[in-house]
Every structure is written in C-alpha cells, then in structure tokens.
Amino acid sequence: MKFHLTCIAVLLVSMTLFATEALSWTVTGTGITECQDEDGQKINCPQPGQSCFGQDANYTRPAQTYNLGDTAAVVDPHTNLTWQRNDDDIQRAWQEAKDYCAALRINDQSDWRLPSIRELETTVDFKCANNLCINVTAFPNTELHGSYWTATDDSVDSGKAWIVTFAGGTSVAGDKSGSAF
C-alpha cells in the first residue's frame, strides 16, 4: 500500500464521539444513480410502495468529497475524519498496524489510530472505477487486491478483526496474525 488508509487522525472536537462509537455524521451517497428490477434490468426508479423501491438511486445524498489541500492527509468534511493518504507500503499483523498508527506523525499531528470498521467503510466509493472502490484522487495508491485493517474486533472470534478490501468494497473478518495494510 504505497499510500493508503492505514490510519486516521482523530480531531479533538470529535474524540468523545469516537470513544463511544456513537458516531454522528452525514451519510454520503453511493454514486449509484440507476435502478434495477428483480432480474437486474435497468428500470425507471420506482416510487414508494412500488416493487423494488428503496434502492440507492431512490435517495439523494451528498456526494462523497475530500478536502485535498495536503499531500500527506485528507479531510472528509462529512465525517470530520482526517485520513492518511499514503502509507509505507508494508503489510502488518493487526497489533503491529495499531502500533504503527499510534507512533505515526504527519504534519505535527500525533493522534493517529486505526479506524473502526464504520469509519473505514465511509471511504468506500461504490462507483468502483476499474474495480477499485475508493476515490483515487484522494487515495492515489490504494492497493486493488490489498486488505486494510480496522480496530474493530470480530464479535464472534477475538482472534479476528474486520478488514476492508477496496476491490468491490467488501468487509470481512480477518485473522489478526495475518497481514494487511
């Protein structure tokens, strides 16, 4: 991961929110603008009460955006999360990834940490350009086939934590002794 989403900085204003995981932010749109029927065929978007109503295209939400004024970090104005744009391209076990984030210093900012699954999933862009489901302008070197750790433990198996893969924007629980960005 030449420069990835390994860590986020917690802004002082929102530290209390993250401590309880009672996050409050604007849900951005997925970028999906067309509706489909039960067979996957394109249709005019249905109205409330009609079959297939409730698809992403039925709802208008703000577009996913980032403040790109910095080459080392970007800010998501909808979540107020600051994201590392690039990392050191080293895959690590889960605890090593947490330690890497805790020791990270970017632009005099030292409050970096591994994101929760809910936080990292806010960076998934479901328009998926070239099968990569992330904004490549904000995160230019994201690994298509790489997995990215989150701080969220699997609720069934404490030896696992949640990871996000930006090839399709999927989330799965991975073994903490395994390697990911």
N, C-alpha and C. Protein backbone atom coordinates (compact mmCIF):
# COMPACT_ATOMS: atom_id res chain seq x y z
N MET A 1 0.84 -1.16 0.00
CA MET A 1 0.00 0.00 0.00
C MET A 1 0.88 1.22 0.00
N LYS A 2 1.10 1.75 -1.11
CA LYS A 2 2.05 2.83 -1.26
C LYS A 2 1.62 4.06 -0.49
N PHE A 3 0.35 4.23 -0.35
CA PHE A 3 -0.17 5.31 0.47
C PHE A 3 -1.63 5.05 0.65
N HIS A 4 -1.96 4.55 1.77
CA HIS A 4 -3.29 4.03 1.96
C HIS A 4 -3.95 4.54 3.21
N LEU A 5 -5.05 3.90 3.50
CA LEU A 5 -5.91 4.30 4.58
C LEU A 5 -5.59 3.57 5.87
N THR A 6 -4.35 3.38 6.15
CA THR A 6 -4.00 2.61 7.32
C THR A 6 -4.42 3.30 8.60
N CYS A 7 -4.35 4.60 8.66
CA CYS A 7 -4.60 5.30 9.90
C CYS A 7 -5.47 6.53 9.67
N ILE A 8 -6.12 6.94 10.72
CA ILE A 8 -6.84 8.21 10.68
C ILE A 8 -6.45 9.02 11.91
N ALA A 9 -6.56 10.30 11.78
CA ALA A 9 -6.33 11.17 12.92
C ALA A 9 -7.66 11.53 13.51
N VAL A 10 -7.73 11.57 14.81
CA VAL A 10 -8.96 11.94 15.47
C VAL A 10 -8.85 13.41 15.86
N LEU A 11 -9.75 14.19 15.36
CA LEU A 11 -9.75 15.59 15.72
C LEU A 11 -10.24 15.74 17.15
N LEU A 12 -9.69 16.69 17.88
CA LEU A 12 -10.04 16.86 19.28
C LEU A 12 -11.54 17.06 19.47
N VAL A 13 -12.17 17.75 18.56
CA VAL A 13 -13.60 18.01 18.67
C VAL A 13 -14.40 16.73 18.68
N SER A 14 -13.97 15.72 17.94
CA SER A 14 -14.78 14.51 17.80
C SER A 14 -14.25 13.33 18.60
N MET A 15 -13.25 13.53 19.44
CA MET A 15 -12.69 12.41 20.20
C MET A 15 -13.74 11.75 21.10
N THR A 16 -14.61 12.52 21.70
CA THR A 16 -15.62 11.95 22.57
C THR A 16 -16.57 11.07 21.80
N LEU A 17 -16.94 11.48 20.60
CA LEU A 17 -17.84 10.67 19.78
C LEU A 17 -17.22 9.32 19.46
N PHE A 18 -15.95 9.30 19.13
CA PHE A 18 -15.30 8.05 18.74
C PHE A 18 -15.11 7.12 19.92
N ALA A 19 -14.93 7.68 21.10
CA ALA A 19 -14.72 6.84 22.27
C ALA A 19 -15.92 5.94 22.53
N THR A 20 -17.12 6.42 22.21
CA THR A 20 -18.32 5.63 22.45
C THR A 20 -18.80 4.92 21.19
N GLU A 21 -18.21 5.21 20.04
CA GLU A 21 -18.62 4.68 18.75
C GLU A 21 -20.04 5.10 18.41
N ALA A 22 -20.56 6.11 19.11
CA ALA A 22 -21.88 6.65 18.78
C ALA A 22 -21.67 7.77 17.77
N LEU A 23 -21.24 7.37 16.60
CA LEU A 23 -20.86 8.33 15.58
C LEU A 23 -22.07 9.02 14.98
N SER A 24 -21.88 10.28 14.67
CA SER A 24 -22.95 11.07 14.07
C SER A 24 -22.35 11.85 12.92
N TRP A 25 -22.73 11.47 11.69
CA TRP A 25 -22.25 12.21 10.54
C TRP A 25 -23.22 12.05 9.39
N THR A 26 -23.00 12.85 8.36
CA THR A 26 -23.83 12.79 7.17
C THR A 26 -23.50 11.54 6.38
N VAL A 27 -24.51 10.79 6.03
CA VAL A 27 -24.31 9.62 5.19
C VAL A 27 -24.22 10.11 3.75
N THR A 28 -23.11 9.82 3.11
CA THR A 28 -22.93 10.26 1.73
C THR A 28 -23.55 9.25 0.77
N GLY A 29 -23.78 9.71 -0.44
CA GLY A 29 -24.36 8.84 -1.45
C GLY A 29 -23.35 7.82 -1.96
N THR A 30 -23.87 6.77 -2.54
CA THR A 30 -23.01 5.72 -3.09
C THR A 30 -22.56 6.05 -4.50
N GLY A 31 -23.23 7.02 -5.14
CA GLY A 31 -22.92 7.34 -6.53
C GLY A 31 -23.76 6.53 -7.50
N ILE A 32 -24.56 5.61 -6.99
CA ILE A 32 -25.42 4.79 -7.84
C ILE A 32 -26.65 5.62 -8.21
N THR A 33 -26.90 5.79 -9.51
CA THR A 33 -27.97 6.66 -9.98
C THR A 33 -29.04 5.93 -10.79
N GLU A 34 -28.87 4.64 -11.03
CA GLU A 34 -29.84 3.87 -11.81
C GLU A 34 -30.46 2.79 -10.95
N CYS A 35 -31.73 2.50 -11.22
CA CYS A 35 -32.44 1.44 -10.51
C CYS A 35 -32.53 0.19 -11.38
N GLN A 36 -32.74 -0.94 -10.72
CA GLN A 36 -32.86 -2.22 -11.42
C GLN A 36 -34.07 -2.98 -10.89
N ASP A 37 -34.60 -3.87 -11.73
CA ASP A 37 -35.69 -4.73 -11.30
C ASP A 37 -35.11 -5.99 -10.65
N GLU A 38 -35.99 -6.94 -10.33
CA GLU A 38 -35.56 -8.18 -9.66
C GLU A 38 -34.58 -9.00 -10.49
N ASP A 39 -34.60 -8.79 -11.81
CA ASP A 39 -33.71 -9.54 -12.70
C ASP A 39 -32.43 -8.78 -13.04
N GLY A 40 -32.24 -7.61 -12.41
CA GLY A 40 -31.04 -6.81 -12.67
C GLY A 40 -31.13 -5.95 -13.91
N GLN A 41 -32.32 -5.81 -14.48
CA GLN A 41 -32.50 -4.98 -15.66
C GLN A 41 -32.76 -3.53 -15.25
N LYS A 42 -32.20 -2.58 -15.99
CA LYS A 42 -32.37 -1.16 -15.70
C LYS A 42 -33.84 -0.78 -15.87
N ILE A 43 -34.35 -0.03 -14.87
CA ILE A 43 -35.73 0.46 -14.90
C ILE A 43 -35.76 1.90 -14.42
N ASN A 44 -36.88 2.58 -14.66
CA ASN A 44 -37.09 3.88 -14.02
C ASN A 44 -37.22 3.62 -12.53
N CYS A 45 -36.67 4.48 -11.73
CA CYS A 45 -36.70 4.25 -10.28
C CYS A 45 -38.15 4.23 -9.78
N PRO A 46 -38.49 3.20 -9.02
CA PRO A 46 -39.85 3.05 -8.51
C PRO A 46 -40.17 4.08 -7.42
N GLN A 47 -41.43 4.31 -7.23
CA GLN A 47 -41.93 5.22 -6.20
C GLN A 47 -42.23 4.44 -4.93
N PRO A 48 -42.38 5.12 -3.79
CA PRO A 48 -42.73 4.42 -2.54
C PRO A 48 -43.97 3.56 -2.74
N GLY A 49 -43.89 2.34 -2.23
CA GLY A 49 -44.99 1.41 -2.35
C GLY A 49 -44.89 0.50 -3.56
N GLN A 50 -44.08 0.88 -4.55
CA GLN A 50 -43.90 0.04 -5.73
C GLN A 50 -42.82 -1.00 -5.48
N SER A 51 -42.89 -2.07 -6.25
CA SER A 51 -41.88 -3.12 -6.18
C SER A 51 -40.50 -2.54 -6.48
N CYS A 52 -39.51 -2.95 -5.74
CA CYS A 52 -38.10 -2.56 -5.90
C CYS A 52 -37.81 -1.14 -5.39
N PHE A 53 -38.75 -0.50 -4.71
CA PHE A 53 -38.45 0.80 -4.13
C PHE A 53 -37.47 0.63 -2.97
N GLY A 54 -36.60 1.62 -2.79
CA GLY A 54 -35.64 1.61 -1.68
C GLY A 54 -34.21 1.38 -2.11
N GLN A 55 -33.97 1.39 -3.42
CA GLN A 55 -32.60 1.23 -3.92
C GLN A 55 -31.83 2.53 -3.68
N ASP A 56 -30.52 2.45 -3.76
CA ASP A 56 -29.68 3.63 -3.54
C ASP A 56 -30.10 4.80 -4.40
N ALA A 57 -30.45 4.55 -5.65
CA ALA A 57 -30.81 5.63 -6.57
C ALA A 57 -32.11 6.32 -6.19
N ASN A 58 -32.92 5.73 -5.30
CA ASN A 58 -34.15 6.38 -4.83
C ASN A 58 -33.87 7.53 -3.87
N TYR A 59 -32.65 7.63 -3.38
CA TYR A 59 -32.33 8.60 -2.34
C TYR A 59 -31.26 9.57 -2.83
N THR A 60 -31.47 10.83 -2.50
CA THR A 60 -30.48 11.85 -2.83
C THR A 60 -29.66 12.14 -1.58
N ARG A 61 -28.38 11.94 -1.68
CA ARG A 61 -27.47 12.22 -0.56
C ARG A 61 -26.30 13.00 -1.11
N PRO A 62 -25.60 13.73 -0.24
CA PRO A 62 -24.45 14.49 -0.73
C PRO A 62 -23.37 13.56 -1.27
N ALA A 63 -22.65 14.05 -2.26
CA ALA A 63 -21.55 13.27 -2.84
C ALA A 63 -20.41 13.14 -1.85
N GLN A 64 -19.71 12.04 -1.95
CA GLN A 64 -18.52 11.81 -1.14
C GLN A 64 -17.44 12.80 -1.61
N THR A 65 -16.87 13.56 -0.71
CA THR A 65 -15.85 14.56 -1.05
C THR A 65 -14.74 14.54 -0.02
N TYR A 66 -13.60 15.08 -0.42
CA TYR A 66 -12.46 15.21 0.48
C TYR A 66 -11.81 16.56 0.25
N ASN A 67 -11.31 17.16 1.32
CA ASN A 67 -10.50 18.38 1.20
C ASN A 67 -9.08 17.92 0.92
N LEU A 68 -8.60 18.23 -0.29
CA LEU A 68 -7.33 17.70 -0.78
C LEU A 68 -6.17 18.67 -0.70
N GLY A 69 -6.20 19.62 0.20
CA GLY A 69 -5.17 20.64 0.25
C GLY A 69 -3.81 20.15 0.71
N ASP A 70 -3.69 18.93 1.14
CA ASP A 70 -2.45 18.40 1.70
C ASP A 70 -2.06 17.13 0.95
N THR A 71 -0.77 16.94 0.72
CA THR A 71 -0.33 15.72 0.05
C THR A 71 -0.19 14.54 1.00
N ALA A 72 -0.16 14.80 2.30
CA ALA A 72 0.04 13.73 3.28
C ALA A 72 -1.26 13.26 3.92
N ALA A 73 -2.28 14.12 3.97
CA ALA A 73 -3.53 13.78 4.63
C ALA A 73 -4.69 14.47 3.93
N VAL A 74 -5.88 13.88 4.03
CA VAL A 74 -7.10 14.48 3.50
C VAL A 74 -8.15 14.48 4.60
N VAL A 75 -9.07 15.42 4.50
CA VAL A 75 -10.17 15.52 5.48
C VAL A 75 -11.48 15.24 4.76
N ASP A 76 -12.29 14.38 5.37
CA ASP A 76 -13.64 14.12 4.88
C ASP A 76 -14.55 15.11 5.60
N PRO A 77 -15.12 16.10 4.87
CA PRO A 77 -15.94 17.12 5.53
C PRO A 77 -17.25 16.57 6.09
N HIS A 78 -17.68 15.39 5.67
CA HIS A 78 -18.93 14.82 6.17
C HIS A 78 -18.73 14.13 7.51
N THR A 79 -17.56 13.56 7.74
CA THR A 79 -17.29 12.85 8.99
C THR A 79 -16.32 13.62 9.89
N ASN A 80 -15.62 14.60 9.34
CA ASN A 80 -14.54 15.32 10.01
C ASN A 80 -13.37 14.41 10.37
N LEU A 81 -13.25 13.30 9.69
CA LEU A 81 -12.11 12.41 9.90
C LEU A 81 -10.97 12.85 8.98
N THR A 82 -9.76 12.81 9.50
CA THR A 82 -8.57 13.10 8.73
C THR A 82 -7.93 11.76 8.41
N TRP A 83 -7.66 11.54 7.12
CA TRP A 83 -7.12 10.26 6.66
C TRP A 83 -5.71 10.42 6.13
N GLN A 84 -4.86 9.49 6.46
CA GLN A 84 -3.53 9.40 5.88
C GLN A 84 -3.71 9.01 4.41
N ARG A 85 -3.07 9.75 3.52
CA ARG A 85 -3.23 9.45 2.09
C ARG A 85 -2.34 8.31 1.63
N ASN A 86 -1.16 8.21 2.16
CA ASN A 86 -0.18 7.19 1.76
C ASN A 86 0.42 6.56 3.01
N ASP A 87 0.77 5.32 2.90
CA ASP A 87 1.48 4.68 3.99
C ASP A 87 2.83 4.18 3.50
N ASP A 88 3.46 3.34 4.27
CA ASP A 88 4.81 2.89 3.93
C ASP A 88 4.84 1.61 3.10
N ASP A 89 3.70 1.17 2.59
CA ASP A 89 3.62 0.01 1.71
C ASP A 89 4.03 -1.29 2.40
N ILE A 90 3.81 -1.35 3.71
CA ILE A 90 4.16 -2.57 4.46
C ILE A 90 2.89 -3.16 5.05
N GLN A 91 2.66 -4.44 4.75
CA GLN A 91 1.55 -5.14 5.37
C GLN A 91 2.01 -5.64 6.74
N ARG A 92 1.10 -5.57 7.70
CA ARG A 92 1.43 -5.92 9.08
C ARG A 92 0.31 -6.78 9.68
N ALA A 93 0.66 -7.47 10.76
CA ALA A 93 -0.35 -8.12 11.59
C ALA A 93 -1.15 -7.01 12.28
N TRP A 94 -2.30 -7.35 12.79
CA TRP A 94 -3.22 -6.36 13.36
C TRP A 94 -2.59 -5.51 14.47
N GLN A 95 -1.98 -6.12 15.46
CA GLN A 95 -1.39 -5.34 16.56
C GLN A 95 -0.25 -4.46 16.05
N GLU A 96 0.53 -4.95 15.12
CA GLU A 96 1.60 -4.13 14.53
C GLU A 96 1.02 -2.92 13.79
N ALA A 97 -0.11 -3.11 13.12
CA ALA A 97 -0.77 -1.99 12.43
C ALA A 97 -1.26 -0.96 13.44
N LYS A 98 -1.82 -1.42 14.55
CA LYS A 98 -2.26 -0.49 15.60
C LYS A 98 -1.07 0.29 16.16
N ASP A 99 0.04 -0.40 16.39
CA ASP A 99 1.24 0.25 16.92
C ASP A 99 1.81 1.25 15.91
N TYR A 100 1.80 0.90 14.63
CA TYR A 100 2.26 1.80 13.58
C TYR A 100 1.46 3.10 13.61
N CYS A 101 0.15 2.97 13.69
CA CYS A 101 -0.70 4.17 13.71
C CYS A 101 -0.44 5.01 14.95
N ALA A 102 -0.31 4.38 16.10
CA ALA A 102 -0.09 5.11 17.34
C ALA A 102 1.22 5.90 17.32
N ALA A 103 2.21 5.42 16.58
CA ALA A 103 3.52 6.08 16.51
C ALA A 103 3.62 7.07 15.34
N LEU A 104 2.60 7.12 14.50
CA LEU A 104 2.65 7.94 13.29
C LEU A 104 2.61 9.44 13.61
N ARG A 105 3.38 10.21 12.86
CA ARG A 105 3.38 11.67 12.96
C ARG A 105 3.29 12.22 11.54
N ILE A 106 2.23 12.99 11.27
CA ILE A 106 2.06 13.66 9.98
C ILE A 106 1.64 15.09 10.26
N ASN A 107 2.37 16.03 9.68
CA ASN A 107 2.04 17.45 9.83
C ASN A 107 1.84 17.86 11.29
N ASP A 108 2.72 17.44 12.16
CA ASP A 108 2.65 17.74 13.59
C ASP A 108 1.42 17.15 14.27
N GLN A 109 0.75 16.25 13.61
CA GLN A 109 -0.40 15.59 14.20
C GLN A 109 0.05 14.23 14.71
N SER A 110 -0.27 13.94 15.97
CA SER A 110 0.21 12.70 16.57
C SER A 110 -0.90 11.83 17.16
N ASP A 111 -2.15 12.17 16.90
CA ASP A 111 -3.26 11.41 17.48
C ASP A 111 -3.86 10.42 16.47
N TRP A 112 -2.99 9.73 15.75
CA TRP A 112 -3.42 8.77 14.75
C TRP A 112 -3.78 7.44 15.39
N ARG A 113 -4.71 6.74 14.77
CA ARG A 113 -5.12 5.42 15.25
C ARG A 113 -5.72 4.64 14.09
N LEU A 114 -5.86 3.36 14.27
CA LEU A 114 -6.53 2.51 13.31
C LEU A 114 -8.02 2.85 13.34
N PRO A 115 -8.68 2.99 12.19
CA PRO A 115 -10.10 3.35 12.18
C PRO A 115 -11.00 2.18 12.56
N SER A 116 -12.21 2.49 13.00
CA SER A 116 -13.22 1.45 13.22
C SER A 116 -13.72 0.98 11.85
N ILE A 117 -14.43 -0.13 11.83
CA ILE A 117 -14.99 -0.61 10.57
C ILE A 117 -15.96 0.41 10.00
N ARG A 118 -16.77 1.03 10.86
CA ARG A 118 -17.73 2.02 10.39
C ARG A 118 -17.02 3.21 9.77
N GLU A 119 -15.92 3.62 10.35
CA GLU A 119 -15.17 4.76 9.80
C GLU A 119 -14.53 4.42 8.47
N LEU A 120 -13.85 3.28 8.38
CA LEU A 120 -13.17 2.94 7.13
C LEU A 120 -14.17 2.70 6.00
N GLU A 121 -15.32 2.16 6.32
CA GLU A 121 -16.33 1.94 5.28
C GLU A 121 -16.85 3.25 4.68
N THR A 122 -16.68 4.38 5.38
CA THR A 122 -17.11 5.66 4.80
C THR A 122 -16.24 6.07 3.62
N THR A 123 -15.08 5.45 3.45
CA THR A 123 -14.21 5.78 2.32
C THR A 123 -14.50 4.94 1.09
N VAL A 124 -15.33 3.91 1.22
CA VAL A 124 -15.68 3.07 0.07
C VAL A 124 -16.52 3.90 -0.90
N ASP A 125 -16.12 3.90 -2.16
CA ASP A 125 -16.83 4.61 -3.24
C ASP A 125 -17.40 3.56 -4.16
N PHE A 126 -18.71 3.36 -4.12
CA PHE A 126 -19.34 2.26 -4.84
C PHE A 126 -19.47 2.48 -6.34
N LYS A 127 -18.93 3.59 -6.85
CA LYS A 127 -18.87 3.74 -8.31
C LYS A 127 -17.77 2.84 -8.87
N CYS A 128 -16.81 2.48 -8.06
CA CYS A 128 -15.79 1.46 -8.36
C CYS A 128 -15.14 1.63 -9.74
N ALA A 129 -14.36 2.67 -9.93
CA ALA A 129 -13.63 2.87 -11.19
C ALA A 129 -12.55 1.80 -11.32
N ASN A 130 -12.57 1.06 -12.42
CA ASN A 130 -11.61 -0.01 -12.68
C ASN A 130 -11.54 -1.02 -11.53
N ASN A 131 -12.69 -1.34 -10.97
CA ASN A 131 -12.83 -2.29 -9.86
C ASN A 131 -12.26 -1.80 -8.55
N LEU A 132 -11.77 -0.58 -8.48
CA LEU A 132 -11.23 -0.03 -7.24
C LEU A 132 -12.28 0.89 -6.64
N CYS A 133 -12.80 0.52 -5.49
CA CYS A 133 -13.93 1.23 -4.88
C CYS A 133 -13.47 2.23 -3.83
N ILE A 134 -12.70 3.21 -4.28
CA ILE A 134 -12.22 4.29 -3.41
C ILE A 134 -11.90 5.48 -4.30
N ASN A 135 -11.94 6.65 -3.76
CA ASN A 135 -11.61 7.86 -4.51
C ASN A 135 -10.10 7.87 -4.75
N VAL A 136 -9.69 7.62 -5.99
CA VAL A 136 -8.26 7.50 -6.30
C VAL A 136 -7.57 8.86 -6.35
N THR A 137 -8.33 9.94 -6.40
CA THR A 137 -7.71 11.26 -6.30
C THR A 137 -7.29 11.52 -4.86
N ALA A 138 -8.14 11.16 -3.92
CA ALA A 138 -7.81 11.33 -2.50
C ALA A 138 -6.81 10.29 -2.02
N PHE A 139 -6.93 9.07 -2.52
CA PHE A 139 -6.09 7.95 -2.08
C PHE A 139 -5.48 7.29 -3.31
N PRO A 140 -4.47 7.95 -3.91
CA PRO A 140 -3.99 7.56 -5.23
C PRO A 140 -3.30 6.20 -5.32
N ASN A 141 -2.79 5.66 -4.27
CA ASN A 141 -2.01 4.42 -4.36
C ASN A 141 -2.65 3.25 -3.63
N THR A 142 -3.95 3.28 -3.47
CA THR A 142 -4.64 2.18 -2.79
C THR A 142 -4.46 0.89 -3.57
N GLU A 143 -4.13 -0.16 -2.85
CA GLU A 143 -3.90 -1.47 -3.47
C GLU A 143 -5.23 -2.12 -3.83
N LEU A 144 -5.40 -2.46 -5.09
CA LEU A 144 -6.63 -3.10 -5.56
C LEU A 144 -6.88 -4.41 -4.82
N HIS A 145 -5.85 -5.20 -4.65
CA HIS A 145 -6.03 -6.51 -4.03
C HIS A 145 -5.53 -6.55 -2.59
N GLY A 146 -5.40 -5.38 -1.97
CA GLY A 146 -4.94 -5.33 -0.59
C GLY A 146 -6.11 -5.21 0.38
N SER A 147 -5.90 -5.69 1.57
CA SER A 147 -6.88 -5.57 2.64
C SER A 147 -6.35 -4.56 3.65
N TYR A 148 -7.27 -3.85 4.29
CA TYR A 148 -6.92 -2.78 5.23
C TYR A 148 -7.56 -3.04 6.58
N TRP A 149 -6.73 -3.08 7.61
CA TRP A 149 -7.18 -3.36 8.96
C TRP A 149 -8.09 -2.26 9.49
N THR A 150 -8.99 -2.66 10.39
CA THR A 150 -9.72 -1.72 11.22
C THR A 150 -9.46 -2.10 12.67
N ALA A 151 -9.84 -1.23 13.58
CA ALA A 151 -9.67 -1.51 15.00
C ALA A 151 -10.80 -2.35 15.56
N THR A 152 -11.77 -2.69 14.74
CA THR A 152 -12.97 -3.40 15.20
C THR A 152 -12.74 -4.90 15.26
N ASP A 153 -12.85 -5.43 16.49
CA ASP A 153 -12.73 -6.87 16.69
C ASP A 153 -13.96 -7.58 16.13
N ASP A 154 -13.77 -8.81 15.69
CA ASP A 154 -14.88 -9.66 15.31
C ASP A 154 -15.61 -10.04 16.60
N SER A 155 -16.93 -9.92 16.63
CA SER A 155 -17.68 -10.19 17.86
C SER A 155 -17.76 -11.66 18.20
N VAL A 156 -17.48 -12.54 17.25
CA VAL A 156 -17.56 -13.98 17.48
C VAL A 156 -16.20 -14.58 17.83
N ASP A 157 -15.15 -14.08 17.20
CA ASP A 157 -13.81 -14.65 17.36
C ASP A 157 -12.82 -13.52 17.69
N SER A 158 -12.35 -13.47 18.93
CA SER A 158 -11.45 -12.39 19.35
C SER A 158 -10.09 -12.45 18.66
N GLY A 159 -9.80 -13.53 17.96
CA GLY A 159 -8.56 -13.65 17.20
C GLY A 159 -8.67 -13.01 15.82
N LYS A 160 -9.84 -12.40 15.54
CA LYS A 160 -10.06 -11.77 14.25
C LYS A 160 -10.49 -10.32 14.42
N ALA A 161 -10.21 -9.52 13.40
CA ALA A 161 -10.65 -8.13 13.34
C ALA A 161 -11.17 -7.87 11.94
N TRP A 162 -11.97 -6.84 11.78
CA TRP A 162 -12.57 -6.53 10.49
C TRP A 162 -11.57 -5.84 9.58
N ILE A 163 -11.62 -6.21 8.32
CA ILE A 163 -10.79 -5.58 7.29
C ILE A 163 -11.70 -5.14 6.14
N VAL A 164 -11.23 -4.17 5.38
CA VAL A 164 -11.93 -3.69 4.19
C VAL A 164 -11.02 -3.92 3.00
N THR A 165 -11.59 -4.44 1.94
CA THR A 165 -10.88 -4.61 0.67
C THR A 165 -11.56 -3.70 -0.34
N PHE A 166 -10.80 -2.84 -0.99
CA PHE A 166 -11.38 -1.86 -1.90
C PHE A 166 -11.62 -2.42 -3.30
N ALA A 167 -11.33 -3.69 -3.52
CA ALA A 167 -11.74 -4.36 -4.75
C ALA A 167 -13.17 -4.83 -4.49
N GLY A 168 -14.12 -3.99 -4.81
CA GLY A 168 -15.52 -4.30 -4.56
C GLY A 168 -16.06 -3.69 -3.29
N GLY A 169 -15.19 -3.16 -2.43
CA GLY A 169 -15.65 -2.52 -1.21
C GLY A 169 -16.21 -3.47 -0.18
N THR A 170 -15.65 -4.66 -0.10
CA THR A 170 -16.16 -5.67 0.82
C THR A 170 -15.49 -5.58 2.19
N SER A 171 -16.18 -6.08 3.19
CA SER A 171 -15.67 -6.14 4.56
C SER A 171 -15.78 -7.57 5.06
N VAL A 172 -14.71 -8.07 5.65
CA VAL A 172 -14.70 -9.42 6.21
C VAL A 172 -13.85 -9.42 7.47
N ALA A 173 -14.04 -10.43 8.29
CA ALA A 173 -13.19 -10.59 9.47
C ALA A 173 -11.94 -11.35 9.05
N GLY A 174 -10.77 -10.82 9.44
CA GLY A 174 -9.51 -11.47 9.12
C GLY A 174 -8.75 -11.85 10.37
N ASP A 175 -7.96 -12.90 10.27
CA ASP A 175 -7.15 -13.36 11.39
C ASP A 175 -6.12 -12.28 11.75
N LYS A 176 -6.08 -11.88 13.02
CA LYS A 176 -5.19 -10.80 13.46
C LYS A 176 -3.72 -11.11 13.24
N SER A 177 -3.36 -12.37 13.12
CA SER A 177 -1.96 -12.71 12.88
C SER A 177 -1.62 -12.63 11.39
N GLY A 178 -2.63 -12.47 10.55
CA GLY A 178 -2.41 -12.32 9.12
C GLY A 178 -1.88 -10.94 8.79
N SER A 179 -1.63 -10.69 7.50
CA SER A 179 -1.07 -9.41 7.08
C SER A 179 -2.09 -8.61 6.29
N ALA A 180 -2.11 -7.32 6.58
CA ALA A 180 -2.95 -6.36 5.82
C ALA A 180 -2.31 -4.99 5.96
N PHE A 181 -2.77 -4.07 5.17
CA PHE A 181 -2.27 -2.70 5.25
C PHE A 181 -2.96 -1.98 6.39
